[in-house]
Amino acid sequence: MNDKVTDPSQESLMKIKPGYFLNKYAILIISVILVVVSLNINSGKDYRSGMIMSDGKGYYAYLPAIFIYHDLHFGFFDTIEKATYYSEHHFYDYRYTLEGNVIDKYYAGTALAMLPFFGLGHLIAGATGQPQDGYSSWYTTCINLAAIIYLAIGLLFLTRLLQSYAVRRSYITLVLVAMVFGTNIFYYTVVEFAMSHIYSFAFITMFLYSARKYMKEKREKELICSGLLLGMITLIRPVNILIILAVPFLAGSWFDLKNAIRSLWINRKGLLTAVLGLLAVFSIQMIIYRIQTGHLWVYSYGDERFTFLHPHMLSILFSYKKGLFLYTPLLLISLSGFYFLWKKNRFSTWWLTGFLLLLTYVLSAWWMWYYGGSFSSRVYIEYFSIFAILLGLTLEGFSGLLPRRIYISLIILLTLVCQIQTYQYRYYFIHWSEMNKEKYWEVFMRIDLLLKKGQ
C-alpha cells in the first residue's frame, strides 16, 4: 500500500467547499436552539441556587477573584458562596490549602476563555442595577452564552476538519446535529455550562484543524496557531496535552508525517514562536501560583491522583455507573468508521487506535474513574471531534443506499435515546453517581416518568 495516495483529500485539502455556508447556517440554527433551550431551562431558576455548579464554580472563580475582589486567596468565598448565594444542594468548596495558602483547586484556562463574557455580564449587571459581585444573574446568563458560542466555534472548525476528509456537506450537517443532540455535549452546554469540557472541545477541535492544515501546507501561520492553541488546551486541563499524540493520525501517512517534521527546521522561526506561545499561555497558571504560594508550580488536587497500575478501561466505557458507550451510544456506532478508515489508510487506523486506547487508559486511571457527578463519561467530550471524523467517514464509506439509510436511521434513533436519557438525568431518574444495572433498566426509556414529572 502506498501511503502517499491513501488520503483522498490531499490535493485540495483546505479549500472551502460550496457547502461550507450551508453548514454555517446549520451551526447558527443549532446555536439558536441551544439559546432557546437554555432560556427555557435556566430562566425559571433562582440564580442564587447554583446555576454555576460543581467544578464550574472553581473554574469560574478566578474571574471575580482577579477583576472584582483582587483576592487570589478567595477570601470572598465566605461572603459569596456561604452567605449571599448559599444553596444546600449546590454548595461546593473549590479551595485548597497548601502551606497555609488558599488556592483554587482548578486551572485558569476555562476562566480565560470565559473572560469576554464575564466582562459583558459585569457591564450589563451595572447597567441594570444588579450587584456587580460576579455572581448575580447577568453573570451566569453570559457564562451560559459563552458555552454556546464556544460550542459554535468548535462546530465551525469541526466542519472544516470534516471537509478536509472529503465528507460531503449533507453528511457534515448530520454529524454536527448528532454530535450536539446525540451526546452529552448538549447537557454540558445548556445545564452545567461552567464546566471546562465545552471549552476544551472548541480549542482541541481548532488545534486538530490547525495541525492538519500545517502538515499539508507547511505554513508558518498554522504552526504558530497550533502552538498557541496547545497552550490554551493545556491551561484548561493539563491532561489534555495528550491530544498532541493524535497529530500523526492527522498527517495521514509516514511520508506526510516525516515531511512535516522536516519542515519544522525550515520553519524553525515559526517553531520557536509556537513553543514560546505555548509557554506564554501556560505560564499564566505559573504566575498565579507564584502570587499565591511563592512557587511556580504546585499540585492542587491533594490526595486525588492517577492510579496507573489500576485503570478501569472497561468500566469507563461500558459500566452502568457511567459508561461512555452505554449513556452515549452514538459514539459506539461511530467506531464503524475504523472499517472505512482501514480500507483507505492503515497508518491512520493503527495510530488512531493506539491514541484512543492510550487516552482511555489515562482517563480511566484517575482515582475516581467515573469523575463524580456527571452525565456519561464527561471527560471524553474534549475529544468528540475524533469520533465525529469516524462518523463522517462511515457515512461517506457506504457504497449502497440501503445500508446508509439504515445507518442514518440508527443515528437518529440513538440521538433520541440520548435526549431521553439526558432529561432523565436532569430529573434524577438517572442518578448522578450511583447507577447500577437494576436502576438503569428500571428507568430505561421510561418516557412516562418524564411526563409525570412535567405535570
Protein backbone atom coordinates (compact mmCIF):
# COMPACT_ATOMS: atom_id res chain seq x y z
CA MET A 1 0.00 0.00 0.00
CA ASN A 2 1.29 3.45 -0.89
CA ASP A 3 0.61 5.83 1.98
CA LYS A 4 1.26 8.81 -0.28
CA VAL A 5 -2.02 8.37 -2.10
CA THR A 6 -4.33 6.96 0.57
CA ASP A 7 -5.70 10.26 1.83
CA PRO A 8 -8.46 11.17 -0.63
CA SER A 9 -8.39 14.85 0.19
CA GLN A 10 -4.68 15.70 -0.02
CA GLU A 11 -4.66 17.72 -3.23
CA SER A 12 -7.26 20.31 -2.25
CA LEU A 13 -7.31 19.74 1.47
CA MET A 14 -8.10 23.18 2.77
CA LYS A 15 -10.26 24.67 0.03
CA ILE A 16 -13.58 25.91 1.33
CA LYS A 17 -16.30 23.91 -0.40
CA PRO A 18 -19.62 25.35 -1.62
CA GLY A 19 -21.49 23.55 1.16
CA TYR A 20 -19.46 25.35 3.81
CA PHE A 21 -22.01 28.14 4.10
CA LEU A 22 -24.87 25.63 4.38
CA ASN A 23 -23.05 24.08 7.33
CA LYS A 24 -22.60 27.54 8.85
CA TYR A 25 -26.37 28.02 8.72
CA ALA A 26 -26.78 24.65 10.41
CA ILE A 27 -24.43 25.79 13.19
CA LEU A 28 -26.43 29.02 13.53
CA ILE A 29 -29.69 27.09 13.83
CA ILE A 30 -28.15 24.71 16.39
CA SER A 31 -26.93 27.71 18.40
CA VAL A 32 -30.35 29.36 18.34
CA ILE A 33 -31.97 26.13 19.52
CA LEU A 34 -29.46 25.91 22.38
CA VAL A 35 -30.16 29.53 23.36
CA VAL A 36 -33.90 28.84 23.44
CA VAL A 37 -33.45 25.61 25.42
CA SER A 38 -31.09 27.36 27.86
CA LEU A 39 -33.58 30.15 28.44
CA ASN A 40 -36.34 27.62 28.97
CA ILE A 41 -34.27 25.60 31.44
CA ASN A 42 -32.46 28.37 33.29
CA SER A 43 -34.72 31.43 33.20
CA GLY A 44 -37.03 29.92 35.78
CA LYS A 45 -34.20 29.08 38.14
CA ASP A 46 -33.10 31.22 41.03
CA TYR A 47 -29.53 32.06 40.06
CA ARG A 48 -28.68 32.13 43.76
CA SER A 49 -29.28 28.37 43.93
CA GLY A 50 -26.30 27.47 41.83
CA MET A 51 -26.50 27.81 38.05
CA ILE A 52 -22.71 27.77 38.09
CA MET A 53 -22.31 24.34 39.61
CA SER A 54 -19.78 21.89 40.97
CA ASP A 55 -16.30 22.12 39.40
CA GLY A 56 -17.58 25.03 37.35
CA LYS A 57 -17.50 27.17 40.48
CA GLY A 58 -13.75 26.65 40.71
CA TYR A 59 -13.07 27.25 37.01
CA TYR A 60 -15.09 30.47 37.12
CA ALA A 61 -13.83 31.78 40.47
CA TYR A 62 -10.62 33.24 39.02
CA LEU A 63 -12.63 35.97 37.27
CA PRO A 64 -14.31 37.61 40.28
CA ALA A 65 -11.15 36.92 42.32
CA ILE A 66 -8.96 38.92 39.93
CA PHE A 67 -11.26 41.56 38.47
CA ILE A 68 -13.67 42.33 41.32
CA TYR A 69 -12.20 41.30 44.67
CA HIS A 70 -8.48 41.44 43.80
CA ASP A 71 -8.03 38.42 46.03
CA LEU A 72 -6.35 35.29 44.68
CA HIS A 73 -6.74 33.64 48.05
CA PHE A 74 -10.53 33.67 47.58
CA GLY A 75 -11.48 35.24 50.88
CA PHE A 76 -14.73 36.41 49.24
CA PHE A 77 -15.87 32.77 49.19
CA ASP A 78 -17.25 33.12 52.72
CA THR A 79 -19.41 36.12 51.87
CA ILE A 80 -20.46 34.90 48.43
CA GLU A 81 -20.73 31.10 48.43
CA LYS A 82 -21.56 30.66 52.10
CA ALA A 83 -23.71 33.73 52.64
CA THR A 84 -25.16 35.61 49.68
CA TYR A 85 -25.55 32.72 47.24
CA TYR A 86 -25.66 29.70 49.51
CA SER A 87 -27.58 26.64 48.31
CA GLU A 88 -27.76 23.44 50.31
CA HIS A 89 -27.81 21.27 47.18
CA HIS A 90 -25.16 23.12 45.18
CA PHE A 91 -22.67 24.15 47.82
CA TYR A 92 -19.12 23.31 46.78
CA ASP A 93 -15.80 24.49 48.16
CA TYR A 94 -13.28 24.66 45.32
CA ARG A 95 -10.45 25.93 47.51
CA TYR A 96 -7.34 24.01 48.51
CA THR A 97 -4.92 24.95 51.28
CA LEU A 98 -1.21 24.44 50.64
CA GLU A 99 1.41 25.50 53.18
CA GLY A 100 -1.12 27.85 54.72
CA ASN A 101 -2.01 29.45 51.37
CA VAL A 102 -5.51 29.15 49.98
CA ILE A 103 -5.60 28.49 46.22
CA ASP A 104 -8.12 27.39 43.63
CA LYS A 105 -8.09 23.63 43.08
CA TYR A 106 -8.75 24.09 39.36
CA TYR A 107 -6.78 25.58 36.47
CA ALA A 108 -7.26 29.02 34.99
CA GLY A 109 -7.75 28.23 31.29
CA THR A 110 -11.53 27.99 31.40
CA ALA A 111 -11.72 31.35 33.16
CA LEU A 112 -9.50 32.90 30.49
CA ALA A 113 -11.86 31.59 27.80
CA MET A 114 -14.85 32.98 29.73
CA LEU A 115 -13.25 36.41 30.28
CA PRO A 116 -15.02 38.39 27.49
CA PHE A 117 -18.41 37.06 28.60
CA PHE A 118 -17.66 37.79 32.24
CA GLY A 119 -16.88 41.36 31.19
CA LEU A 120 -20.17 41.56 29.30
CA GLY A 121 -22.08 40.28 32.32
CA HIS A 122 -20.31 42.82 34.55
CA LEU A 123 -21.31 45.71 32.28
CA ILE A 124 -24.93 44.59 31.96
CA ALA A 125 -25.23 43.98 35.71
CA GLY A 126 -24.07 47.54 36.35
CA ALA A 127 -26.39 48.98 33.72
CA THR A 128 -29.43 47.12 35.09
CA GLY A 129 -28.81 47.81 38.75
CA GLN A 130 -27.83 44.28 39.72
CA PRO A 131 -24.97 43.68 42.15
CA GLN A 132 -21.61 43.71 40.35
CA ASP A 133 -20.37 40.93 42.59
CA GLY A 134 -19.55 38.35 39.92
CA TYR A 135 -22.47 36.10 40.76
CA SER A 136 -25.73 37.96 40.09
CA SER A 137 -27.92 36.67 37.28
CA TRP A 138 -26.37 38.52 34.32
CA TYR A 139 -23.02 36.90 35.01
CA THR A 140 -24.50 33.40 34.89
CA THR A 141 -26.52 34.23 31.77
CA CYS A 142 -23.42 35.45 29.96
CA ILE A 143 -21.40 32.40 31.00
CA ASN A 144 -24.20 30.24 29.62
CA LEU A 145 -23.89 32.22 26.39
CA ALA A 146 -20.12 31.64 26.46
CA ALA A 147 -20.60 27.87 26.37
CA ILE A 148 -22.95 28.16 23.38
CA ILE A 149 -20.57 30.46 21.49
CA TYR A 150 -17.56 28.23 22.12
CA LEU A 151 -19.54 25.21 21.02
CA ALA A 152 -20.43 27.05 17.80
CA ILE A 153 -16.75 27.85 17.25
CA GLY A 154 -15.89 24.21 17.82
CA LEU A 155 -18.55 23.12 15.33
CA LEU A 156 -17.28 25.62 12.76
CA PHE A 157 -13.79 24.16 12.90
CA LEU A 158 -15.21 20.64 13.03
CA THR A 159 -16.92 21.46 9.73
CA ARG A 160 -13.57 22.45 8.22
CA LEU A 161 -11.92 19.36 9.67
CA LEU A 162 -14.58 17.07 8.18
CA GLN A 163 -14.23 18.82 4.83
CA SER A 164 -10.53 18.03 4.91
CA TYR A 165 -11.56 14.35 4.98
CA ALA A 166 -13.79 14.87 1.93
CA VAL A 167 -17.05 14.41 3.86
CA ARG A 168 -19.86 15.97 1.83
CA ARG A 169 -21.91 18.87 3.17
CA SER A 170 -25.16 17.00 3.90
CA TYR A 171 -23.32 14.41 5.96
CA ILE A 172 -21.41 17.11 7.82
CA THR A 173 -24.70 18.73 8.80
CA LEU A 174 -25.98 15.38 10.08
CA VAL A 175 -22.76 14.80 12.04
CA LEU A 176 -22.96 18.26 13.63
CA VAL A 177 -26.57 17.76 14.72
CA ALA A 178 -25.86 14.25 16.01
CA MET A 179 -22.77 15.28 17.98
CA VAL A 180 -24.66 18.09 19.72
CA PHE A 181 -28.01 16.44 20.42
CA GLY A 182 -26.92 12.80 20.49
CA THR A 183 -24.15 13.19 23.09
CA ASN A 184 -23.62 14.83 26.48
CA ILE A 185 -22.35 17.96 24.70
CA PHE A 186 -25.96 19.11 24.87
CA TYR A 187 -26.17 18.75 28.65
CA TYR A 188 -22.85 20.47 29.31
CA THR A 189 -23.81 23.39 27.09
CA VAL A 190 -27.24 24.19 28.49
CA VAL A 191 -27.10 22.95 32.11
CA GLU A 192 -23.57 22.65 33.55
CA PHE A 193 -22.19 25.29 31.22
CA ALA A 194 -19.38 26.45 33.52
CA MET A 195 -17.58 23.12 33.33
CA SER A 196 -14.41 23.03 31.24
CA HIS A 197 -15.43 20.44 28.67
CA ILE A 198 -17.11 22.59 26.01
CA TYR A 199 -14.17 24.99 26.06
CA SER A 200 -11.73 22.11 25.71
CA PHE A 201 -13.80 20.72 22.84
CA ALA A 202 -13.60 24.04 20.99
CA PHE A 203 -9.86 24.55 21.44
CA ILE A 204 -8.95 20.92 20.72
CA THR A 205 -11.02 20.98 17.53
CA MET A 206 -9.29 24.19 16.46
CA PHE A 207 -5.95 22.58 17.21
CA LEU A 208 -6.75 19.45 15.20
CA TYR A 209 -7.70 21.53 12.19
CA SER A 210 -4.70 23.85 12.52
CA ALA A 211 -2.23 20.98 12.95
CA ARG A 212 -3.67 19.06 9.99
CA LYS A 213 -3.55 22.18 7.85
CA TYR A 214 0.09 22.76 8.77
CA MET A 215 1.09 19.24 7.84
CA LYS A 216 -0.48 19.64 4.41
CA GLU A 217 0.56 23.22 3.62
CA LYS A 218 3.65 23.75 5.86
CA ARG A 219 2.75 27.38 6.52
CA GLU A 220 4.26 29.16 9.50
CA LYS A 221 0.95 30.74 10.48
CA GLU A 222 -0.66 27.35 11.18
CA LEU A 223 2.38 26.25 13.17
CA ILE A 224 2.19 29.29 15.43
CA CYS A 225 -1.59 28.92 15.81
CA SER A 226 -1.12 25.27 16.78
CA GLY A 227 1.35 26.25 19.49
CA LEU A 228 -0.96 28.90 20.95
CA LEU A 229 -3.94 26.55 20.87
CA LEU A 230 -1.96 23.78 22.54
CA GLY A 231 -1.00 26.23 25.27
CA MET A 232 -4.66 27.09 25.85
CA ILE A 233 -5.68 23.43 25.80
CA THR A 234 -3.08 22.66 28.48
CA LEU A 235 -4.06 25.69 30.56
CA ILE A 236 -7.68 24.50 30.64
CA ARG A 237 -6.82 20.92 31.67
CA PRO A 238 -3.16 19.82 31.61
CA VAL A 239 -4.07 16.19 30.86
CA ASN A 240 -5.49 17.35 27.54
CA ILE A 241 -1.97 17.82 26.20
CA LEU A 242 -2.41 14.17 25.24
CA ILE A 243 -4.07 15.47 22.07
CA ILE A 244 -0.62 16.10 20.62
CA LEU A 245 -0.30 12.31 20.26
CA ALA A 246 -3.13 12.38 17.70
CA VAL A 247 -1.07 14.54 15.32
CA PRO A 248 0.39 11.59 13.33
CA PHE A 249 -3.17 10.40 12.65
CA LEU A 250 -3.90 13.82 11.16
CA ALA A 251 -0.84 13.56 8.93
CA GLY A 252 -2.32 10.53 7.20
CA SER A 253 0.93 8.72 6.34
CA TRP A 254 4.54 8.23 7.39
CA PHE A 255 5.53 10.15 4.29
CA ASP A 256 3.49 13.24 5.24
CA LEU A 257 4.47 12.97 8.90
CA LYS A 258 8.19 12.86 8.05
CA ASN A 259 7.79 15.78 5.65
CA ALA A 260 6.01 17.78 8.35
CA ILE A 261 8.77 17.05 10.86
CA ARG A 262 11.46 18.03 8.33
CA SER A 263 9.61 21.25 7.59
CA LEU A 264 9.97 22.31 11.22
CA TRP A 265 13.65 23.02 10.53
CA ILE A 266 12.77 25.15 7.54
CA ASN A 267 10.15 26.93 9.67
CA ARG A 268 12.33 26.97 12.79
CA LYS A 269 11.50 30.61 13.46
CA GLY A 270 7.82 29.70 13.43
CA LEU A 271 8.52 26.65 15.59
CA LEU A 272 10.32 28.77 18.16
CA THR A 273 7.44 31.25 18.14
CA ALA A 274 4.95 28.41 18.55
CA VAL A 275 6.83 26.96 21.51
CA LEU A 276 7.17 30.38 23.13
CA GLY A 277 3.48 31.00 22.53
CA LEU A 278 2.58 27.71 24.19
CA LEU A 279 4.78 28.50 27.20
CA ALA A 280 3.49 32.08 27.41
CA VAL A 281 -0.13 30.93 27.58
CA PHE A 282 0.57 28.17 30.08
CA SER A 283 2.73 30.47 32.20
CA ILE A 284 -0.46 32.26 33.26
CA GLN A 285 -1.07 29.42 35.70
CA MET A 286 2.51 29.56 36.92
CA ILE A 287 2.25 33.30 37.53
CA ILE A 288 -0.94 32.78 39.54
CA TYR A 289 0.69 30.06 41.63
CA ARG A 290 3.71 32.28 42.20
CA ILE A 291 1.49 35.07 43.51
CA GLN A 292 -0.49 32.65 45.68
CA THR A 293 2.25 30.44 47.11
CA GLY A 294 5.68 31.69 46.07
CA HIS A 295 6.11 28.53 43.94
CA LEU A 296 5.95 28.38 40.17
CA TRP A 297 4.05 25.09 40.30
CA VAL A 298 2.00 23.24 42.88
CA TYR A 299 -0.22 20.19 42.81
CA SER A 300 -3.63 21.47 43.84
CA TYR A 301 -5.53 18.17 43.89
CA GLY A 302 -4.15 16.92 47.21
CA ASP A 303 -4.58 13.16 47.54
CA GLU A 304 -6.50 12.87 44.25
CA ARG A 305 -4.19 11.20 41.75
CA PHE A 306 -3.87 8.87 38.80
CA THR A 307 -3.53 5.19 39.70
CA PHE A 308 -1.84 3.91 36.54
CA LEU A 309 -1.50 0.38 37.90
CA HIS A 310 -5.27 0.15 38.35
CA PRO A 311 -7.07 1.57 35.31
CA HIS A 312 -10.80 0.97 34.76
CA MET A 313 -10.88 0.89 30.97
CA LEU A 314 -13.93 -1.34 30.56
CA SER A 315 -15.86 0.46 33.29
CA ILE A 316 -15.31 3.95 31.88
CA LEU A 317 -16.63 2.73 28.51
CA PHE A 318 -19.38 0.22 29.34
CA SER A 319 -20.37 0.30 33.02
CA TYR A 320 -23.89 1.06 34.20
CA LYS A 321 -22.39 3.57 36.59
CA LYS A 322 -21.04 5.96 33.96
CA GLY A 323 -20.14 4.07 30.78
CA LEU A 324 -19.45 6.29 27.78
CA PHE A 325 -20.96 3.91 25.24
CA LEU A 326 -23.94 3.00 27.43
CA TYR A 327 -25.08 6.59 28.00
CA THR A 328 -23.79 7.96 24.68
CA PRO A 329 -24.34 5.03 22.28
CA LEU A 330 -23.92 7.25 19.22
CA LEU A 331 -20.18 7.20 19.91
CA LEU A 332 -20.18 3.41 19.87
CA ILE A 333 -21.58 3.20 16.35
CA SER A 334 -19.18 5.92 15.21
CA LEU A 335 -16.40 3.34 15.67
CA SER A 336 -17.64 1.73 12.45
CA GLY A 337 -15.55 4.46 10.84
CA PHE A 338 -12.48 2.37 11.65
CA TYR A 339 -13.56 -0.12 8.98
CA PHE A 340 -13.66 2.51 6.26
CA LEU A 341 -10.50 4.19 7.55
CA TRP A 342 -8.72 0.82 7.41
CA LYS A 343 -9.72 0.36 3.77
CA LYS A 344 -8.16 3.71 2.86
CA ASN A 345 -5.31 4.29 5.27
CA ARG A 346 -3.89 1.66 7.61
CA PHE A 347 -1.31 4.03 9.04
CA SER A 348 -4.03 6.38 10.31
CA THR A 349 -6.09 3.43 11.54
CA TRP A 350 -3.30 1.97 13.66
CA TRP A 351 -2.29 5.35 15.02
CA LEU A 352 -5.83 6.43 15.93
CA THR A 353 -6.50 3.07 17.58
CA GLY A 354 -3.37 3.47 19.70
CA PHE A 355 -4.27 7.03 20.61
CA LEU A 356 -7.80 6.19 21.75
CA LEU A 357 -6.57 3.20 23.76
CA LEU A 358 -3.91 5.33 25.47
CA LEU A 359 -6.44 8.09 26.10
CA THR A 360 -8.87 5.61 27.66
CA TYR A 361 -6.10 4.12 29.79
CA VAL A 362 -5.08 7.52 31.17
CA LEU A 363 -8.61 8.83 31.76
CA SER A 364 -9.71 5.59 33.43
CA ALA A 365 -6.66 5.59 35.72
CA TRP A 366 -7.89 8.65 37.66
CA TRP A 367 -8.64 7.66 41.23
CA MET A 368 -12.33 8.45 40.69
CA TRP A 369 -12.58 7.00 37.19
CA TYR A 370 -16.26 7.97 36.91
CA TYR A 371 -15.43 11.64 37.72
CA GLY A 372 -18.08 12.24 40.36
CA GLY A 373 -21.43 13.71 39.45
CA SER A 374 -21.72 13.70 35.70
CA PHE A 375 -23.77 12.53 32.77
CA SER A 376 -21.93 9.79 30.87
CA SER A 377 -18.11 9.95 30.82
CA ARG A 378 -17.81 13.71 30.51
CA VAL A 379 -14.01 13.71 30.18
CA TYR A 380 -14.30 12.41 26.62
CA ILE A 381 -16.20 15.49 25.38
CA GLU A 382 -12.90 17.21 24.62
CA TYR A 383 -12.11 14.56 22.01
CA PHE A 384 -15.50 14.23 20.35
CA SER A 385 -14.19 15.68 17.09
CA ILE A 386 -12.30 12.44 16.56
CA PHE A 387 -15.49 10.43 16.94
CA ALA A 388 -17.15 12.89 14.54
CA ILE A 389 -14.48 12.16 11.93
CA LEU A 390 -15.19 8.43 12.26
CA LEU A 391 -18.92 9.11 11.94
CA GLY A 392 -18.34 11.16 8.79
CA LEU A 393 -16.08 8.50 7.28
CA THR A 394 -18.78 5.89 7.83
CA LEU A 395 -21.45 7.99 6.11
CA GLU A 396 -19.11 8.56 3.17
CA GLY A 397 -17.92 4.96 3.08
CA PHE A 398 -21.18 3.14 2.36
CA SER A 399 -21.44 2.09 -1.26
CA GLY A 400 -25.14 1.25 -1.17
CA LEU A 401 -28.16 3.43 -0.43
CA LEU A 402 -29.89 0.94 1.87
CA PRO A 403 -27.04 0.47 4.41
CA ARG A 404 -26.53 4.23 4.50
CA ARG A 405 -30.23 4.82 5.19
CA ILE A 406 -30.19 2.20 7.94
CA TYR A 407 -27.13 3.85 9.49
CA ILE A 408 -28.72 7.32 9.32
CA SER A 409 -31.87 5.91 10.93
CA LEU A 410 -29.70 4.45 13.69
CA ILE A 411 -28.05 7.85 14.23
CA ILE A 412 -31.47 9.49 14.57
CA LEU A 413 -32.69 6.76 16.94
CA LEU A 414 -29.61 6.99 19.19
CA THR A 415 -29.84 10.78 19.22
CA LEU A 416 -33.38 10.40 20.54
CA VAL A 417 -32.18 7.85 23.12
CA CYS A 418 -29.55 10.31 24.35
CA GLN A 419 -32.09 13.11 24.64
CA ILE A 420 -34.41 10.94 26.72
CA GLN A 421 -31.53 9.89 28.98
CA THR A 422 -30.41 13.50 29.28
CA TYR A 423 -33.82 14.54 30.58
CA GLN A 424 -33.90 11.52 32.87
CA TYR A 425 -30.58 12.68 34.27
CA ARG A 426 -31.81 16.23 34.76
CA TYR A 427 -34.79 14.97 36.76
CA TYR A 428 -32.67 12.48 38.76
CA PHE A 429 -34.20 9.30 37.35
CA ILE A 430 -30.65 8.58 36.26
CA HIS A 431 -28.62 9.20 39.40
CA TRP A 432 -25.56 11.41 39.13
CA SER A 433 -23.18 8.80 40.58
CA GLU A 434 -24.99 5.71 41.96
CA MET A 435 -26.34 3.96 38.87
CA ASN A 436 -26.22 0.18 38.58
CA LYS A 437 -27.76 -2.48 36.34
CA GLU A 438 -31.04 -2.66 38.24
CA LYS A 439 -31.55 1.11 38.37
CA TYR A 440 -30.62 1.54 34.72
CA TRP A 441 -33.12 -0.96 33.36
CA GLU A 442 -35.79 0.20 35.78
CA VAL A 443 -35.89 3.62 34.11
CA PHE A 444 -34.62 2.76 30.62
CA MET A 445 -36.54 4.85 28.06
CA ARG A 446 -39.30 5.49 30.62
CA ILE A 447 -40.89 8.49 28.94
CA ASP A 448 -43.90 8.16 31.23
CA LEU A 449 -41.72 9.20 34.18
CA LEU A 450 -40.83 12.42 32.40
CA LEU A 451 -44.45 13.09 31.53
CA LYS A 452 -45.46 12.68 35.17
CA LYS A 453 -42.62 14.99 36.21
CA GLY A 454 -43.86 17.66 33.82
CA GLN A 455 -47.45 17.54 35.09
